Amino acid sequence: MAQDRLLRPREVAQRLTVSRSTVYRWFWEGKLKGTKLSEGSLRILESSVQGMLEVIW
């Protein structure tokens, strides 16, 4: 099984053409999967971004 890359909110926002605040909101709503590393540090799973791209497009 391939390891899933962790992306910064800025990278996710660019890929999905949305704002960073939208990325954070979608994470907290459960629409994007990821992990909170430390205070204010969030990473999103690349596979979750791919799934969101399929829904959007």
PDB file of N, CA and C in Angstrom:
ATOM      1  N   MET A   1       0.840  -1.189   0.000  1.00  0.00           N
ATOM      2  CA  MET A   1       0.000   0.000   0.000  1.00  0.00           C
ATOM      3  C   MET A   1       0.880   1.247   0.000  1.00  0.00           C
ATOM      4  N   ALA A   2       0.615   2.151  -0.921  1.00  0.00           N
ATOM      5  CA  ALA A   2       1.404   3.370  -1.035  1.00  0.00           C
ATOM      6  C   ALA A   2       1.077   4.322   0.109  1.00  0.00           C
ATOM      7  N   GLN A   3       2.089   5.052   0.530  1.00  0.00           N
ATOM      8  CA  GLN A   3       1.889   6.016   1.608  1.00  0.00           C
ATOM      9  C   GLN A   3       1.265   7.294   1.052  1.00  0.00           C
ATOM     10  N   ASP A   4       0.305   7.825   1.764  1.00  0.00           N
ATOM     11  CA  ASP A   4      -0.400   9.038   1.364  1.00  0.00           C
ATOM     12  C   ASP A   4       0.420  10.260   1.766  1.00  0.00           C
ATOM     13  N   ARG A   5       0.603  11.205   0.842  1.00  0.00           N
ATOM     14  CA  ARG A   5       1.329  12.432   1.155  1.00  0.00           C
ATOM     15  C   ARG A   5       0.467  13.352   2.011  1.00  0.00           C
ATOM     16  N   LEU A   6       1.127  14.129   2.852  1.00  0.00           N
ATOM     17  CA  LEU A   6       0.464  15.152   3.654  1.00  0.00           C
ATOM     18  C   LEU A   6       0.736  16.512   3.017  1.00  0.00           C
ATOM     19  N   LEU A   7      -0.323  17.264   2.794  1.00  0.00           N
ATOM     20  CA  LEU A   7      -0.215  18.560   2.133  1.00  0.00           C
ATOM     21  C   LEU A   7      -0.552  19.687   3.094  1.00  0.00           C
ATOM     22  N   ARG A   8       0.099  20.805   2.903  1.00  0.00           N
ATOM     23  CA  ARG A   8      -0.200  22.002   3.687  1.00  0.00           C
ATOM     24  C   ARG A   8      -1.499  22.628   3.179  1.00  0.00           C
ATOM     25  N   PRO A   9      -2.226  23.312   4.051  1.00  0.00           N
ATOM     26  CA  PRO A   9      -3.474  23.951   3.629  1.00  0.00           C
ATOM     27  C   PRO A   9      -3.300  24.869   2.405  1.00  0.00           C
ATOM     28  N   ARG A  10      -2.178  25.546   2.332  1.00  0.00           N
ATOM     29  CA  ARG A  10      -1.913  26.430   1.191  1.00  0.00           C
ATOM     30  C   ARG A  10      -1.877  25.638  -0.119  1.00  0.00           C
ATOM     31  N   GLU A  11      -1.222  24.463  -0.090  1.00  0.00           N
ATOM     32  CA  GLU A  11      -1.141  23.616  -1.279  1.00  0.00           C
ATOM     33  C   GLU A  11      -2.528  23.097  -1.672  1.00  0.00           C
ATOM     34  N   VAL A  12      -3.297  22.702  -0.673  1.00  0.00           N
ATOM     35  CA  VAL A  12      -4.650  22.197  -0.917  1.00  0.00           C
ATOM     36  C   VAL A  12      -5.520  23.296  -1.523  1.00  0.00           C
ATOM     37  N   ALA A  13      -5.434  24.495  -0.969  1.00  0.00           N
ATOM     38  CA  ALA A  13      -6.213  25.630  -1.478  1.00  0.00           C
ATOM     39  C   ALA A  13      -5.888  25.896  -2.949  1.00  0.00           C
ATOM     40  N   GLN A  14      -4.621  25.827  -3.299  1.00  0.00           N
ATOM     41  CA  GLN A  14      -4.224  26.050  -4.693  1.00  0.00           C
ATOM     42  C   GLN A  14      -4.777  24.965  -5.605  1.00  0.00           C
ATOM     43  N   ARG A  15      -4.692  23.712  -5.174  1.00  0.00           N
ATOM     44  CA  ARG A  15      -5.194  22.597  -5.996  1.00  0.00           C
ATOM     45  C   ARG A  15      -6.702  22.660  -6.194  1.00  0.00           C
ATOM     46  N   LEU A  16      -7.420  23.068  -5.150  1.00  0.00           N
ATOM     47  CA  LEU A  16      -8.879  23.093  -5.219  1.00  0.00           C
ATOM     48  C   LEU A  16      -9.428  24.453  -5.637  1.00  0.00           C
ATOM     49  N   THR A  17      -8.548  25.419  -5.839  1.00  0.00           N
ATOM     50  CA  THR A  17      -8.897  26.808  -6.173  1.00  0.00           C
ATOM     51  C   THR A  17      -9.940  27.383  -5.210  1.00  0.00           C
ATOM     52  N   VAL A  18      -9.626  27.257  -3.935  1.00  0.00           N
ATOM     53  CA  VAL A  18     -10.438  27.836  -2.863  1.00  0.00           C
ATOM     54  C   VAL A  18      -9.498  28.571  -1.910  1.00  0.00           C
ATOM     55  N   SER A  19     -10.061  29.268  -0.943  1.00  0.00           N
ATOM     56  CA  SER A  19      -9.231  29.972   0.035  1.00  0.00           C
ATOM     57  C   SER A  19      -8.726  28.996   1.107  1.00  0.00           C
ATOM     58  N   ARG A  20      -7.682  29.403   1.821  1.00  0.00           N
ATOM     59  CA  ARG A  20      -7.176  28.586   2.924  1.00  0.00           C
ATOM     60  C   ARG A  20      -8.226  28.426   4.014  1.00  0.00           C
ATOM     61  N   SER A  21      -9.009  29.458   4.255  1.00  0.00           N
ATOM     62  CA  SER A  21     -10.048  29.349   5.283  1.00  0.00           C
ATOM     63  C   SER A  21     -11.091  28.299   4.902  1.00  0.00           C
ATOM     64  N   THR A  22     -11.361  28.145   3.619  1.00  0.00           N
ATOM     65  CA  THR A  22     -12.277  27.099   3.163  1.00  0.00           C
ATOM     66  C   THR A  22     -11.678  25.721   3.422  1.00  0.00           C
ATOM     67  N   VAL A  23     -10.385  25.573   3.208  1.00  0.00           N
ATOM     68  CA  VAL A  23      -9.707  24.300   3.479  1.00  0.00           C
ATOM     69  C   VAL A  23      -9.842  23.951   4.957  1.00  0.00           C
ATOM     70  N   TYR A  24      -9.583  24.924   5.829  1.00  0.00           N
ATOM     71  CA  TYR A  24      -9.714  24.682   7.269  1.00  0.00           C
ATOM     72  C   TYR A  24     -11.155  24.326   7.627  1.00  0.00           C
ATOM     73  N   ARG A  25     -12.113  25.037   7.082  1.00  0.00           N
ATOM     74  CA  ARG A  25     -13.527  24.767   7.380  1.00  0.00           C
ATOM     75  C   ARG A  25     -13.905  23.361   6.926  1.00  0.00           C
ATOM     76  N   TRP A  26     -13.502  22.987   5.701  1.00  0.00           N
ATOM     77  CA  TRP A  26     -13.811  21.647   5.194  1.00  0.00           C
ATOM     78  C   TRP A  26     -13.158  20.571   6.054  1.00  0.00           C
ATOM     79  N   PHE A  27     -11.960  20.846   6.583  1.00  0.00           N
ATOM     80  CA  PHE A  27     -11.306  19.885   7.477  1.00  0.00           C
ATOM     81  C   PHE A  27     -12.145  19.706   8.743  1.00  0.00           C
ATOM     82  N   TRP A  28     -12.529  20.808   9.374  1.00  0.00           N
ATOM     83  CA  TRP A  28     -13.291  20.734  10.623  1.00  0.00           C
ATOM     84  C   TRP A  28     -14.691  20.164  10.399  1.00  0.00           C
ATOM     85  N   GLU A  29     -15.242  20.317   9.194  1.00  0.00           N
ATOM     86  CA  GLU A  29     -16.548  19.736   8.865  1.00  0.00           C
ATOM     87  C   GLU A  29     -16.441  18.258   8.473  1.00  0.00           C
ATOM     88  N   GLY A  30     -15.213  17.760   8.306  1.00  0.00           N
ATOM     89  CA  GLY A  30     -15.010  16.365   7.940  1.00  0.00           C
ATOM     90  C   GLY A  30     -15.022  16.098   6.449  1.00  0.00           C
ATOM     91  N   LYS A  31     -15.057  17.143   5.636  1.00  0.00           N
ATOM     92  CA  LYS A  31     -15.061  16.971   4.183  1.00  0.00           C
ATOM     93  C   LYS A  31     -13.678  16.633   3.651  1.00  0.00           C
ATOM     94  N   LEU A  32     -12.636  17.062   4.351  1.00  0.00           N
ATOM     95  CA  LEU A  32     -11.247  16.727   4.020  1.00  0.00           C
ATOM     96  C   LEU A  32     -10.655  15.975   5.202  1.00  0.00           C
ATOM     97  N   LYS A  33      -9.916  14.925   4.913  1.00  0.00           N
ATOM     98  CA  LYS A  33      -9.266  14.131   5.956  1.00  0.00           C
ATOM     99  C   LYS A  33      -7.820  14.600   6.112  1.00  0.00           C
ATOM    100  N   GLY A  34      -7.368  14.604   7.344  1.00  0.00           N
ATOM    101  CA  GLY A  34      -6.007  15.015   7.611  1.00  0.00           C
ATOM    102  C   GLY A  34      -5.683  14.870   9.084  1.00  0.00           C
ATOM    103  N   THR A  35      -4.686  15.630   9.520  1.00  0.00           N
ATOM    104  CA  THR A  35      -4.270  15.563  10.915  1.00  0.00           C
ATOM    105  C   THR A  35      -3.795  16.933  11.391  1.00  0.00           C
ATOM    106  N   LYS A  36      -4.012  17.184  12.647  1.00  0.00           N
ATOM    107  CA  LYS A  36      -3.516  18.396  13.288  1.00  0.00           C
ATOM    108  C   LYS A  36      -2.197  18.014  13.951  1.00  0.00           C
ATOM    109  N   LEU A  37      -1.093  18.607  13.502  1.00  0.00           N
ATOM    110  CA  LEU A  37       0.235  18.246  14.009  1.00  0.00           C
ATOM    111  C   LEU A  37       0.556  18.941  15.321  1.00  0.00           C
ATOM    112  N   SER A  38       0.286  20.215  15.387  1.00  0.00           N
ATOM    113  CA  SER A  38       0.541  20.987  16.603  1.00  0.00           C
ATOM    114  C   SER A  38      -0.364  22.212  16.560  1.00  0.00           C
ATOM    115  N   GLU A  39      -0.242  23.060  17.527  1.00  0.00           N
ATOM    116  CA  GLU A  39      -1.073  24.255  17.583  1.00  0.00           C
ATOM    117  C   GLU A  39      -0.958  25.052  16.278  1.00  0.00           C
ATOM    118  N   GLY A  40      -2.046  25.102  15.526  1.00  0.00           N
ATOM    119  CA  GLY A  40      -2.068  25.876  14.286  1.00  0.00           C
ATOM    120  C   GLY A  40      -1.448  25.189  13.086  1.00  0.00           C
ATOM    121  N   SER A  41      -1.006  23.952  13.222  1.00  0.00           N
ATOM    122  CA  SER A  41      -0.349  23.244  12.131  1.00  0.00           C
ATOM    123  C   SER A  41      -1.223  22.079  11.678  1.00  0.00           C
ATOM    124  N   LEU A  42      -1.676  22.144  10.446  1.00  0.00           N
ATOM    125  CA  LEU A  42      -2.614  21.173   9.906  1.00  0.00           C
ATOM    126  C   LEU A  42      -2.051  20.585   8.615  1.00  0.00           C
ATOM    127  N   ARG A  43      -2.276  19.304   8.387  1.00  0.00           N
ATOM    128  CA  ARG A  43      -1.890  18.662   7.137  1.00  0.00           C
ATOM    129  C   ARG A  43      -3.079  17.859   6.630  1.00  0.00           C
ATOM    130  N   ILE A  44      -3.280  17.901   5.318  1.00  0.00           N
ATOM    131  CA  ILE A  44      -4.404  17.235   4.673  1.00  0.00           C
ATOM    132  C   ILE A  44      -3.875  16.084   3.824  1.00  0.00           C
ATOM    133  N   LEU A  45      -4.566  14.943   3.867  1.00  0.00           N
ATOM    134  CA  LEU A  45      -4.167  13.792   3.067  1.00  0.00           C
ATOM    135  C   LEU A  45      -4.420  14.065   1.585  1.00  0.00           C
ATOM    136  N   GLU A  46      -3.424  13.754   0.766  1.00  0.00           N
ATOM    137  CA  GLU A  46      -3.534  13.988  -0.669  1.00  0.00           C
ATOM    138  C   GLU A  46      -4.703  13.208  -1.267  1.00  0.00           C
ATOM    139  N   SER A  47      -4.950  12.000  -0.779  1.00  0.00           N
ATOM    140  CA  SER A  47      -6.069  11.200  -1.290  1.00  0.00           C
ATOM    141  C   SER A  47      -7.409  11.878  -1.013  1.00  0.00           C
ATOM    142  N   SER A  48      -7.499  12.594   0.097  1.00  0.00           N
ATOM    143  CA  SER A  48      -8.713  13.327   0.424  1.00  0.00           C
ATOM    144  C   SER A  48      -8.929  14.480  -0.560  1.00  0.00           C
ATOM    145  N   VAL A  49      -7.833  15.116  -0.940  1.00  0.00           N
ATOM    146  CA  VAL A  49      -7.904  16.205  -1.924  1.00  0.00           C
ATOM    147  C   VAL A  49      -8.358  15.642  -3.267  1.00  0.00           C
ATOM    148  N   GLN A  50      -7.817  14.491  -3.657  1.00  0.00           N
ATOM    149  CA  GLN A  50      -8.216  13.846  -4.913  1.00  0.00           C
ATOM    150  C   GLN A  50      -9.705  13.531  -4.891  1.00  0.00           C
ATOM    151  N   GLY A  51     -10.186  13.032  -3.778  1.00  0.00           N
ATOM    152  CA  GLY A  51     -11.608  12.739  -3.645  1.00  0.00           C
ATOM    153  C   GLY A  51     -12.464  13.985  -3.781  1.00  0.00           C
ATOM    154  N   MET A  52     -12.007  15.093  -3.209  1.00  0.00           N
ATOM    155  CA  MET A  52     -12.736  16.339  -3.290  1.00  0.00           C
ATOM    156  C   MET A  52     -12.731  16.856  -4.734  1.00  0.00           C
ATOM    157  N   LEU A  53     -11.621  16.694  -5.445  1.00  0.00           N
ATOM    158  CA  LEU A  53     -11.551  17.115  -6.846  1.00  0.00           C
ATOM    159  C   LEU A  53     -12.572  16.356  -7.688  1.00  0.00           C
ATOM    160  N   GLU A  54     -12.755  15.084  -7.403  1.00  0.00           N
ATOM    161  CA  GLU A  54     -13.736  14.291  -8.145  1.00  0.00           C
ATOM    162  C   GLU A  54     -15.149  14.776  -7.883  1.00  0.00           C
ATOM    163  N   VAL A  55     -15.419  15.243  -6.669  1.00  0.00           N
ATOM    164  CA  VAL A  55     -16.745  15.748  -6.318  1.00  0.00           C
ATOM    165  C   VAL A  55     -16.970  17.105  -6.995  1.00  0.00           C
ATOM    166  N   ILE A  56     -15.949  17.958  -6.968  1.00  0.00           N
ATOM    167  CA  ILE A  56     -16.074  19.309  -7.516  1.00  0.00           C
ATOM    168  C   ILE A  56     -16.188  19.263  -9.041  1.00  0.00           C
ATOM    169  N   TRP A  57     -15.350  18.472  -9.674  1.00  0.00           N
ATOM    170  CA  TRP A  57     -15.315  18.454 -11.147  1.00  0.00           C
ATOM    171  C   TRP A  57     -16.089  17.270 -11.635  1.00  0.00           C
TER     172      TRP A  57
END
